[in-house]
């Protein structure tokens, strides 16, 4: 559908629908509170328990922002209340909740530590900025390739994300911070800088990750699949400190493995056609 057919004027394109944008505003609110908790934790004069509590609250606020971000788009599509304003507003909020908040969390907690990892203090800002830069690029690219101004010539425009979604990237960082705080694994913080760089690369890569947009309230499933899903949800709630990281890492691994398989399949088909091509044709 062309831009002129979908939006007849500026007022139509910039229309603000209450319910989906309310979820988007909730996303921004959680991101803002997460930043406040990170600052409070970094400069708190209270004991270690209170500092860890601040960081854990910051993590859960980022994860809840991700839930709100997932719901706003689904509500908009369900009610057919999508608008260009909503898309731009969503990206701005995502930059705060899934860009600035995780970057500050890593800078304060992981990349500006005291003690044996104090050498990272001098370069901590650089890792945070690289992550933030890639998050901004990822969001800008998403807005460009999903713009109604452009023709939809992508063979997988609705079922895949090009590059790791920013909420998933923030979820990986936040879930690992949650594990470190919950189980007092400060010795493993040394591995988080390269993890952040890897996550930043995935955000701006051409690897396709599933969007799950086809799953809605009308999606059908088998009884066995339904039981497995319920079991997984119970496991997530029971072992929430570890299960969040497992879910996000599984999503990343699945996307990379699927991308590699597609590349190999396409390469095999190309070699097959080249081998069987008749030069006389």
C-alpha atoms as a PDB file:
ATOM      1  CA  UNK A   1       0.000   0.000   0.000  1.00  0.00           C
ATOM      2  CA  UNK A   2       1.413   3.369  -0.987  1.00  0.00           C
ATOM      3  CA  UNK A   3       1.951   6.248   1.399  1.00  0.00           C
ATOM      4  CA  UNK A   4      -0.689   8.429  -0.279  1.00  0.00           C
ATOM      5  CA  UNK A   5      -3.325   5.721   0.014  1.00  0.00           C
ATOM      6  CA  UNK A   6      -2.624   4.917   3.623  1.00  0.00           C
ATOM      7  CA  UNK A   7      -2.184   8.479   4.905  1.00  0.00           C
ATOM      8  CA  UNK A   8      -4.133  11.147   3.063  1.00  0.00           C
ATOM      9  CA  UNK A   9      -2.630  14.079   4.996  1.00  0.00           C
ATOM     10  CA  UNK A  10      -0.219  15.065   7.757  1.00  0.00           C
ATOM     11  CA  UNK A  11      -2.923  14.991  10.433  1.00  0.00           C
ATOM     12  CA  UNK A  12      -3.772  11.397   9.531  1.00  0.00           C
ATOM     13  CA  UNK A  13      -0.125  10.295   9.608  1.00  0.00           C
ATOM     14  CA  UNK A  14       0.551  12.005  12.956  1.00  0.00           C
ATOM     15  CA  UNK A  15      -2.626  10.823  14.667  1.00  0.00           C
ATOM     16  CA  UNK A  16      -2.117   9.748  18.285  1.00  0.00           C
ATOM     17  CA  UNK A  17      -4.045   6.641  19.322  1.00  0.00           C
ATOM     18  CA  UNK A  18      -4.427   6.395  23.089  1.00  0.00           C
ATOM     19  CA  UNK A  19      -4.017   2.708  23.951  1.00  0.00           C
ATOM     20  CA  UNK A  20      -0.938   1.710  21.876  1.00  0.00           C
ATOM     21  CA  UNK A  21       0.850   4.976  22.690  1.00  0.00           C
ATOM     22  CA  UNK A  22       0.019   4.482  26.357  1.00  0.00           C
ATOM     23  CA  UNK A  23       2.030   1.251  26.268  1.00  0.00           C
ATOM     24  CA  UNK A  24       4.816   3.118  24.474  1.00  0.00           C
ATOM     25  CA  UNK A  25       4.802   5.812  27.163  1.00  0.00           C
ATOM     26  CA  UNK A  26       4.987   3.062  29.790  1.00  0.00           C
ATOM     27  CA  UNK A  27       8.074   1.769  27.995  1.00  0.00           C
ATOM     28  CA  UNK A  28       9.655   5.235  28.260  1.00  0.00           C
ATOM     29  CA  UNK A  29       8.645   5.578  31.912  1.00  0.00           C
ATOM     30  CA  UNK A  30      10.294   2.253  32.801  1.00  0.00           C
ATOM     31  CA  UNK A  31      13.451   3.217  30.928  1.00  0.00           C
ATOM     32  CA  UNK A  32      13.628   6.539  32.728  1.00  0.00           C
ATOM     33  CA  UNK A  33      13.168   4.881  36.137  1.00  0.00           C
ATOM     34  CA  UNK A  34      15.825   2.321  35.233  1.00  0.00           C
ATOM     35  CA  UNK A  35      18.313   5.122  34.537  1.00  0.00           C
ATOM     36  CA  UNK A  36      17.450   6.719  37.887  1.00  0.00           C
ATOM     37  CA  UNK A  37      18.023   3.402  39.687  1.00  0.00           C
ATOM     38  CA  UNK A  38      21.411   2.987  37.986  1.00  0.00           C
ATOM     39  CA  UNK A  39      22.478   6.472  39.068  1.00  0.00           C
ATOM     40  CA  UNK A  40      21.229   5.860  42.615  1.00  0.00           C
ATOM     41  CA  UNK A  41      23.131   2.572  42.766  1.00  0.00           C
ATOM     42  CA  UNK A  42      26.346   4.100  41.471  1.00  0.00           C
ATOM     43  CA  UNK A  43      26.394   6.989  43.933  1.00  0.00           C
ATOM     44  CA  UNK A  44      24.629   5.345  46.859  1.00  0.00           C
ATOM     45  CA  UNK A  45      26.313   5.609  50.254  1.00  0.00           C
ATOM     46  CA  UNK A  46      24.374   2.648  51.583  1.00  0.00           C
ATOM     47  CA  UNK A  47      25.563  -0.923  51.868  1.00  0.00           C
ATOM     48  CA  UNK A  48      26.158  -3.496  49.155  1.00  0.00           C
ATOM     49  CA  UNK A  49      22.700  -5.033  49.595  1.00  0.00           C
ATOM     50  CA  UNK A  50      20.986  -1.736  48.814  1.00  0.00           C
ATOM     51  CA  UNK A  51      23.218  -1.136  45.780  1.00  0.00           C
ATOM     52  CA  UNK A  52      22.408  -4.573  44.385  1.00  0.00           C
ATOM     53  CA  UNK A  53      18.733  -3.916  45.020  1.00  0.00           C
ATOM     54  CA  UNK A  54      18.921  -0.745  42.928  1.00  0.00           C
ATOM     55  CA  UNK A  55      20.556  -2.579  40.032  1.00  0.00           C
ATOM     56  CA  UNK A  56      18.048  -5.426  40.199  1.00  0.00           C
ATOM     57  CA  UNK A  57      15.203  -2.938  40.066  1.00  0.00           C
ATOM     58  CA  UNK A  58      16.866  -1.320  37.047  1.00  0.00           C
ATOM     59  CA  UNK A  59      17.056  -4.714  35.328  1.00  0.00           C
ATOM     60  CA  UNK A  60      13.396  -5.546  35.916  1.00  0.00           C
ATOM     61  CA  UNK A  61      12.383  -2.093  34.720  1.00  0.00           C
ATOM     62  CA  UNK A  62      14.231  -2.699  31.428  1.00  0.00           C
ATOM     63  CA  UNK A  63      12.579  -6.098  31.037  1.00  0.00           C
ATOM     64  CA  UNK A  64       9.150  -4.627  31.808  1.00  0.00           C
ATOM     65  CA  UNK A  65       9.852  -1.897  29.248  1.00  0.00           C
ATOM     66  CA  UNK A  66      10.461  -4.697  26.748  1.00  0.00           C
ATOM     67  CA  UNK A  67       7.075  -6.200  27.588  1.00  0.00           C
ATOM     68  CA  UNK A  68       5.391  -2.816  27.076  1.00  0.00           C
ATOM     69  CA  UNK A  69       7.242  -2.388  23.767  1.00  0.00           C
ATOM     70  CA  UNK A  70       5.954  -5.760  22.599  1.00  0.00           C
ATOM     71  CA  UNK A  71       2.379  -4.950  23.560  1.00  0.00           C
ATOM     72  CA  UNK A  72       2.137  -1.518  21.946  1.00  0.00           C
ATOM     73  CA  UNK A  73       2.719  -2.855  18.445  1.00  0.00           C
ATOM     74  CA  UNK A  74       0.373  -5.784  18.918  1.00  0.00           C
ATOM     75  CA  UNK A  75      -2.379  -3.554  20.272  1.00  0.00           C
ATOM     76  CA  UNK A  76      -1.923  -1.145  17.361  1.00  0.00           C
ATOM     77  CA  UNK A  77      -2.133  -3.940  14.777  1.00  0.00           C
ATOM     78  CA  UNK A  78      -5.017  -5.646  16.563  1.00  0.00           C
ATOM     79  CA  UNK A  79      -7.088  -2.458  16.663  1.00  0.00           C
ATOM     80  CA  UNK A  80      -5.759  -1.244  13.276  1.00  0.00           C
ATOM     81  CA  UNK A  81      -4.505   1.935  14.939  1.00  0.00           C
ATOM     82  CA  UNK A  82      -1.015   2.123  13.443  1.00  0.00           C
ATOM     83  CA  UNK A  83       0.408   5.546  12.580  1.00  0.00           C
ATOM     84  CA  UNK A  84       3.701   7.128  11.616  1.00  0.00           C
ATOM     85  CA  UNK A  85       3.634   9.042  14.888  1.00  0.00           C
ATOM     86  CA  UNK A  86       3.423   5.783  16.828  1.00  0.00           C
ATOM     87  CA  UNK A  87       6.383   4.319  14.930  1.00  0.00           C
ATOM     88  CA  UNK A  88       8.593   7.353  15.558  1.00  0.00           C
ATOM     89  CA  UNK A  89       7.492   7.691  19.182  1.00  0.00           C
ATOM     90  CA  UNK A  90       8.251   4.006  19.740  1.00  0.00           C
ATOM     91  CA  UNK A  91      11.801   4.355  18.398  1.00  0.00           C
ATOM     92  CA  UNK A  92      12.520   7.395  20.568  1.00  0.00           C
ATOM     93  CA  UNK A  93      11.317   5.541  23.670  1.00  0.00           C
ATOM     94  CA  UNK A  94      13.308   2.442  22.687  1.00  0.00           C
ATOM     95  CA  UNK A  95      16.473   4.525  22.469  1.00  0.00           C
ATOM     96  CA  UNK A  96      16.026   5.527  26.107  1.00  0.00           C
ATOM     97  CA  UNK A  97      14.893   2.183  27.543  1.00  0.00           C
ATOM     98  CA  UNK A  98      17.050  -0.181  25.481  1.00  0.00           C
ATOM     99  CA  UNK A  99      19.919   2.101  24.512  1.00  0.00           C
ATOM    100  CA  UNK A 100      20.757   4.633  27.219  1.00  0.00           C
ATOM    101  CA  UNK A 101      19.590   2.582  30.224  1.00  0.00           C
ATOM    102  CA  UNK A 102      21.641  -0.587  29.461  1.00  0.00           C
ATOM    103  CA  UNK A 103      24.665   1.492  28.421  1.00  0.00           C
ATOM    104  CA  UNK A 104      24.643   3.382  31.719  1.00  0.00           C
ATOM    105  CA  UNK A 105      24.062   0.186  33.656  1.00  0.00           C
ATOM    106  CA  UNK A 106      27.096  -1.434  32.067  1.00  0.00           C
ATOM    107  CA  UNK A 107      29.191   1.702  32.518  1.00  0.00           C
ATOM    108  CA  UNK A 108      28.312   2.105  36.201  1.00  0.00           C
ATOM    109  CA  UNK A 109      28.217  -1.519  37.292  1.00  0.00           C
ATOM    110  CA  UNK A 110      30.412  -3.474  34.896  1.00  0.00           C
ATOM    111  CA  UNK A 111      32.824  -1.146  33.148  1.00  0.00           C
ATOM    112  CA  UNK A 112      33.615   1.216  36.004  1.00  0.00           C
ATOM    113  CA  UNK A 113      34.279  -1.258  38.787  1.00  0.00           C
ATOM    114  CA  UNK A 114      36.683  -0.948  41.650  1.00  0.00           C
ATOM    115  CA  UNK A 115      39.304  -3.453  42.630  1.00  0.00           C
ATOM    116  CA  UNK A 116      40.772  -6.043  40.294  1.00  0.00           C
ATOM    117  CA  UNK A 117      38.953  -4.798  37.174  1.00  0.00           C
ATOM    118  CA  UNK A 118      39.684  -1.107  37.726  1.00  0.00           C
ATOM    119  CA  UNK A 119      41.726  -0.957  34.490  1.00  0.00           C
ATOM    120  CA  UNK A 120      38.434  -0.981  32.597  1.00  0.00           C
ATOM    121  CA  UNK A 121      37.557   2.394  34.084  1.00  0.00           C
ATOM    122  CA  UNK A 122      39.478   4.227  31.357  1.00  0.00           C
ATOM    123  CA  UNK A 123      37.666   2.545  28.453  1.00  0.00           C
ATOM    124  CA  UNK A 124      34.277   1.850  30.023  1.00  0.00           C
ATOM    125  CA  UNK A 125      32.640   4.812  28.309  1.00  0.00           C
ATOM    126  CA  UNK A 126      33.801   3.548  24.901  1.00  0.00           C
ATOM    127  CA  UNK A 127      32.039   0.174  25.231  1.00  0.00           C
ATOM    128  CA  UNK A 128      28.882   1.900  26.367  1.00  0.00           C
ATOM    129  CA  UNK A 129      29.001   4.374  23.476  1.00  0.00           C
ATOM    130  CA  UNK A 130      29.565   1.654  20.861  1.00  0.00           C
ATOM    131  CA  UNK A 131      26.525  -0.201  22.164  1.00  0.00           C
ATOM    132  CA  UNK A 132      24.481   3.019  22.203  1.00  0.00           C
ATOM    133  CA  UNK A 133      25.610   3.952  18.687  1.00  0.00           C
ATOM    134  CA  UNK A 134      24.631   0.564  17.272  1.00  0.00           C
ATOM    135  CA  UNK A 135      21.271   0.738  19.028  1.00  0.00           C
ATOM    136  CA  UNK A 136      20.589   4.113  17.391  1.00  0.00           C
ATOM    137  CA  UNK A 137      21.651   2.834  13.974  1.00  0.00           C
ATOM    138  CA  UNK A 138      19.480  -0.262  14.381  1.00  0.00           C
ATOM    139  CA  UNK A 139      16.395   1.798  15.247  1.00  0.00           C
ATOM    140  CA  UNK A 140      17.001   4.266  12.399  1.00  0.00           C
ATOM    141  CA  UNK A 141      17.448   1.438   9.890  1.00  0.00           C
ATOM    142  CA  UNK A 142      14.252  -0.224  11.097  1.00  0.00           C
ATOM    143  CA  UNK A 143      12.289   2.992  10.556  1.00  0.00           C
ATOM    144  CA  UNK A 144      13.714   3.351   7.057  1.00  0.00           C
ATOM    145  CA  UNK A 145      13.046  -0.183   5.829  1.00  0.00           C
ATOM    146  CA  UNK A 146       9.524  -0.223   7.294  1.00  0.00           C
ATOM    147  CA  UNK A 147       8.590   3.201   5.944  1.00  0.00           C
ATOM    148  CA  UNK A 148       5.410   3.198   3.825  1.00  0.00           C
ATOM    149  CA  UNK A 149       7.233   5.547   1.444  1.00  0.00           C
ATOM    150  CA  UNK A 150       9.352   2.646   0.199  1.00  0.00           C
ATOM    151  CA  UNK A 151       8.159  -0.246  -2.002  1.00  0.00           C
ATOM    152  CA  UNK A 152       7.877  -3.570  -0.199  1.00  0.00           C
ATOM    153  CA  UNK A 153      10.298  -5.639  -2.271  1.00  0.00           C
ATOM    154  CA  UNK A 154      11.785  -7.496   0.722  1.00  0.00           C
ATOM    155  CA  UNK A 155      10.849 -11.217   0.536  1.00  0.00           C
ATOM    156  CA  UNK A 156      10.529 -11.424   4.350  1.00  0.00           C
ATOM    157  CA  UNK A 157       9.312  -7.983   5.426  1.00  0.00           C
ATOM    158  CA  UNK A 158       6.786  -9.019   8.073  1.00  0.00           C
ATOM    159  CA  UNK A 159       8.211 -12.189   9.561  1.00  0.00           C
ATOM    160  CA  UNK A 160      11.816 -11.267  10.325  1.00  0.00           C
ATOM    161  CA  UNK A 161      13.842  -8.480  11.897  1.00  0.00           C
ATOM    162  CA  UNK A 162      16.963  -7.376  10.029  1.00  0.00           C
ATOM    163  CA  UNK A 163      19.554  -7.353  12.793  1.00  0.00           C
ATOM    164  CA  UNK A 164      19.031  -8.152  16.458  1.00  0.00           C
ATOM    165  CA  UNK A 165      16.093  -6.121  17.833  1.00  0.00           C
ATOM    166  CA  UNK A 166      17.129  -3.476  20.343  1.00  0.00           C
ATOM    167  CA  UNK A 167      14.801  -4.802  23.116  1.00  0.00           C
ATOM    168  CA  UNK A 168      16.388  -8.250  22.803  1.00  0.00           C
ATOM    169  CA  UNK A 169      19.876  -6.719  22.925  1.00  0.00           C
ATOM    170  CA  UNK A 170      18.986  -4.843  26.104  1.00  0.00           C
ATOM    171  CA  UNK A 171      17.411  -8.007  27.495  1.00  0.00           C
ATOM    172  CA  UNK A 172      20.677  -9.911  27.113  1.00  0.00           C
ATOM    173  CA  UNK A 173      22.651  -7.232  28.946  1.00  0.00           C
ATOM    174  CA  UNK A 174      20.035  -6.807  31.684  1.00  0.00           C
ATOM    175  CA  UNK A 175      19.580 -10.544  32.271  1.00  0.00           C
ATOM    176  CA  UNK A 176      23.323 -11.083  32.714  1.00  0.00           C
ATOM    177  CA  UNK A 177      23.482  -8.198  35.173  1.00  0.00           C
ATOM    178  CA  UNK A 178      20.614  -9.877  37.030  1.00  0.00           C
ATOM    179  CA  UNK A 179      22.564 -13.142  37.288  1.00  0.00           C
ATOM    180  CA  UNK A 180      25.725 -11.384  38.479  1.00  0.00           C
ATOM    181  CA  UNK A 181      23.810  -9.502  41.166  1.00  0.00           C
ATOM    182  CA  UNK A 182      21.685 -12.446  42.268  1.00  0.00           C
ATOM    183  CA  UNK A 183      24.533 -14.943  42.641  1.00  0.00           C
ATOM    184  CA  UNK A 184      27.405 -12.574  43.539  1.00  0.00           C
ATOM    185  CA  UNK A 185      29.418 -13.446  40.408  1.00  0.00           C
ATOM    186  CA  UNK A 186      31.462 -10.267  40.200  1.00  0.00           C
ATOM    187  CA  UNK A 187      34.444 -12.220  38.906  1.00  0.00           C
ATOM    188  CA  UNK A 188      32.548 -12.822  35.645  1.00  0.00           C
ATOM    189  CA  UNK A 189      32.058  -9.135  34.896  1.00  0.00           C
ATOM    190  CA  UNK A 190      35.249  -9.236  32.831  1.00  0.00           C
ATOM    191  CA  UNK A 191      33.333 -11.143  30.127  1.00  0.00           C
ATOM    192  CA  UNK A 192      30.610  -8.523  29.726  1.00  0.00           C
ATOM    193  CA  UNK A 193      32.570  -5.952  27.627  1.00  0.00           C
ATOM    194  CA  UNK A 194      33.151  -8.417  24.744  1.00  0.00           C
ATOM    195  CA  UNK A 195      29.535  -9.587  25.120  1.00  0.00           C
ATOM    196  CA  UNK A 196      28.354  -5.997  24.669  1.00  0.00           C
ATOM    197  CA  UNK A 197      30.470  -5.588  21.543  1.00  0.00           C
ATOM    198  CA  UNK A 198      29.080  -8.828  20.136  1.00  0.00           C
ATOM    199  CA  UNK A 199      25.520  -7.712  20.870  1.00  0.00           C
ATOM    200  CA  UNK A 200      26.239  -4.341  19.261  1.00  0.00           C
ATOM    201  CA  UNK A 201      27.498  -6.098  16.116  1.00  0.00           C
ATOM    202  CA  UNK A 202      24.380  -8.271  15.927  1.00  0.00           C
ATOM    203  CA  UNK A 203      22.142  -5.190  16.057  1.00  0.00           C
ATOM    204  CA  UNK A 204      23.675  -3.700  12.900  1.00  0.00           C
ATOM    205  CA  UNK A 205      24.298  -7.027  11.126  1.00  0.00           C
ATOM    206  CA  UNK A 206      22.263  -8.456   8.232  1.00  0.00           C
ATOM    207  CA  UNK A 207      21.306 -11.531  10.244  1.00  0.00           C
ATOM    208  CA  UNK A 208      17.539 -12.046  10.304  1.00  0.00           C
ATOM    209  CA  UNK A 209      15.834 -12.773  13.602  1.00  0.00           C
ATOM    210  CA  UNK A 210      12.223 -13.962  13.925  1.00  0.00           C
ATOM    211  CA  UNK A 211       9.677 -11.299  14.846  1.00  0.00           C
ATOM    212  CA  UNK A 212       6.831 -13.609  15.979  1.00  0.00           C
ATOM    213  CA  UNK A 213       4.352 -11.139  14.483  1.00  0.00           C
ATOM    214  CA  UNK A 214       2.345 -14.047  13.079  1.00  0.00           C
ATOM    215  CA  UNK A 215       1.543 -15.144  16.628  1.00  0.00           C
ATOM    216  CA  UNK A 216      -1.627 -13.450  17.871  1.00  0.00           C
ATOM    217  CA  UNK A 217      -4.847 -14.208  19.751  1.00  0.00           C
ATOM    218  CA  UNK A 218      -6.110 -16.277  16.802  1.00  0.00           C
ATOM    219  CA  UNK A 219      -3.022 -18.487  16.549  1.00  0.00           C
ATOM    220  CA  UNK A 220      -3.840 -22.158  17.029  1.00  0.00           C
ATOM    221  CA  UNK A 221      -1.623 -24.760  18.640  1.00  0.00           C
ATOM    222  CA  UNK A 222      -1.660 -28.431  19.522  1.00  0.00           C
ATOM    223  CA  UNK A 223      -2.399 -29.648  23.021  1.00  0.00           C
ATOM    224  CA  UNK A 224       1.141 -30.971  23.484  1.00  0.00           C
ATOM    225  CA  UNK A 225       2.635 -27.646  22.371  1.00  0.00           C
ATOM    226  CA  UNK A 226       0.301 -25.794  24.720  1.00  0.00           C
ATOM    227  CA  UNK A 227       1.407 -27.934  27.671  1.00  0.00           C
ATOM    228  CA  UNK A 228       5.068 -27.366  26.799  1.00  0.00           C
ATOM    229  CA  UNK A 229       4.535 -23.596  26.614  1.00  0.00           C
ATOM    230  CA  UNK A 230       2.808 -23.563  30.013  1.00  0.00           C
ATOM    231  CA  UNK A 231       5.663 -25.617  31.466  1.00  0.00           C
ATOM    232  CA  UNK A 232       8.207 -23.182  30.073  1.00  0.00           C
ATOM    233  CA  UNK A 233       6.327 -20.222  31.541  1.00  0.00           C
ATOM    234  CA  UNK A 234       6.256 -21.868  34.968  1.00  0.00           C
ATOM    235  CA  UNK A 235       9.992 -22.588  34.698  1.00  0.00           C
ATOM    236  CA  UNK A 236      10.688 -18.971  33.748  1.00  0.00           C
ATOM    237  CA  UNK A 237       8.752 -17.671  36.750  1.00  0.00           C
ATOM    238  CA  UNK A 238      10.379 -20.142  39.141  1.00  0.00           C
ATOM    239  CA  UNK A 239      13.979 -19.671  37.943  1.00  0.00           C
ATOM    240  CA  UNK A 240      13.608 -16.093  36.708  1.00  0.00           C
ATOM    241  CA  UNK A 241      17.213 -15.071  37.449  1.00  0.00           C
ATOM    242  CA  UNK A 242      18.626 -17.640  35.009  1.00  0.00           C
ATOM    243  CA  UNK A 243      15.711 -18.278  32.646  1.00  0.00           C
ATOM    244  CA  UNK A 244      15.667 -14.718  31.271  1.00  0.00           C
ATOM    245  CA  UNK A 245      19.275 -15.027  30.088  1.00  0.00           C
ATOM    246  CA  UNK A 246      18.598 -18.481  28.639  1.00  0.00           C
ATOM    247  CA  UNK A 247      15.602 -17.188  26.670  1.00  0.00           C
ATOM    248  CA  UNK A 248      17.475 -14.241  25.158  1.00  0.00           C
ATOM    249  CA  UNK A 249      20.560 -16.322  24.360  1.00  0.00           C
ATOM    250  CA  UNK A 250      18.386 -19.028  22.780  1.00  0.00           C
ATOM    251  CA  UNK A 251      16.769 -16.388  20.596  1.00  0.00           C
ATOM    252  CA  UNK A 252      20.183 -15.153  19.442  1.00  0.00           C
ATOM    253  CA  UNK A 253      21.543 -18.652  18.805  1.00  0.00           C
ATOM    254  CA  UNK A 254      18.397 -19.623  16.887  1.00  0.00           C
ATOM    255  CA  UNK A 255      18.670 -16.551  14.673  1.00  0.00           C
ATOM    256  CA  UNK A 256      22.358 -17.129  13.927  1.00  0.00           C
ATOM    257  CA  UNK A 257      21.904 -20.859  13.232  1.00  0.00           C
ATOM    258  CA  UNK A 258      18.910 -20.213  10.979  1.00  0.00           C
ATOM    259  CA  UNK A 259      20.804 -17.492   9.114  1.00  0.00           C
ATOM    260  CA  UNK A 260      23.796 -19.790   8.603  1.00  0.00           C
ATOM    261  CA  UNK A 261      21.539 -22.600   7.371  1.00  0.00           C
ATOM    262  CA  UNK A 262      19.815 -20.276   4.896  1.00  0.00           C
ATOM    263  CA  UNK A 263      23.165 -19.032   3.617  1.00  0.00           C
ATOM    264  CA  UNK A 264      24.413 -22.563   3.064  1.00  0.00           C
ATOM    265  CA  UNK A 265      21.177 -23.584   1.349  1.00  0.00           C
ATOM    266  CA  UNK A 266      21.266 -20.568  -0.963  1.00  0.00           C
ATOM    267  CA  UNK A 267      24.932 -21.236  -1.765  1.00  0.00           C
ATOM    268  CA  UNK A 268      24.185 -24.906  -2.527  1.00  0.00           C
ATOM    269  CA  UNK A 269      21.311 -23.974  -4.835  1.00  0.00           C
ATOM    270  CA  UNK A 270      23.509 -21.431  -6.608  1.00  0.00           C
ATOM    271  CA  UNK A 271      26.264 -23.994  -7.162  1.00  0.00           C
ATOM    272  CA  UNK A 272      23.705 -26.542  -8.388  1.00  0.00           C
ATOM    273  CA  UNK A 273      22.268 -24.161 -10.984  1.00  0.00           C
ATOM    274  CA  UNK A 274      25.717 -23.061 -12.115  1.00  0.00           C
ATOM    275  CA  UNK A 275      26.852 -26.675 -12.493  1.00  0.00           C
ATOM    276  CA  UNK A 276      23.774 -27.697 -14.504  1.00  0.00           C
ATOM    277  CA  UNK A 277      23.619 -24.528 -16.607  1.00  0.00           C
ATOM    278  CA  UNK A 278      23.813 -25.191 -20.335  1.00  0.00           C
ATOM    279  CA  UNK A 279      26.190 -22.675 -21.986  1.00  0.00           C
ATOM    280  CA  UNK A 280      24.284 -23.021 -25.252  1.00  0.00           C
ATOM    281  CA  UNK A 281      21.053 -21.680 -23.813  1.00  0.00           C
END
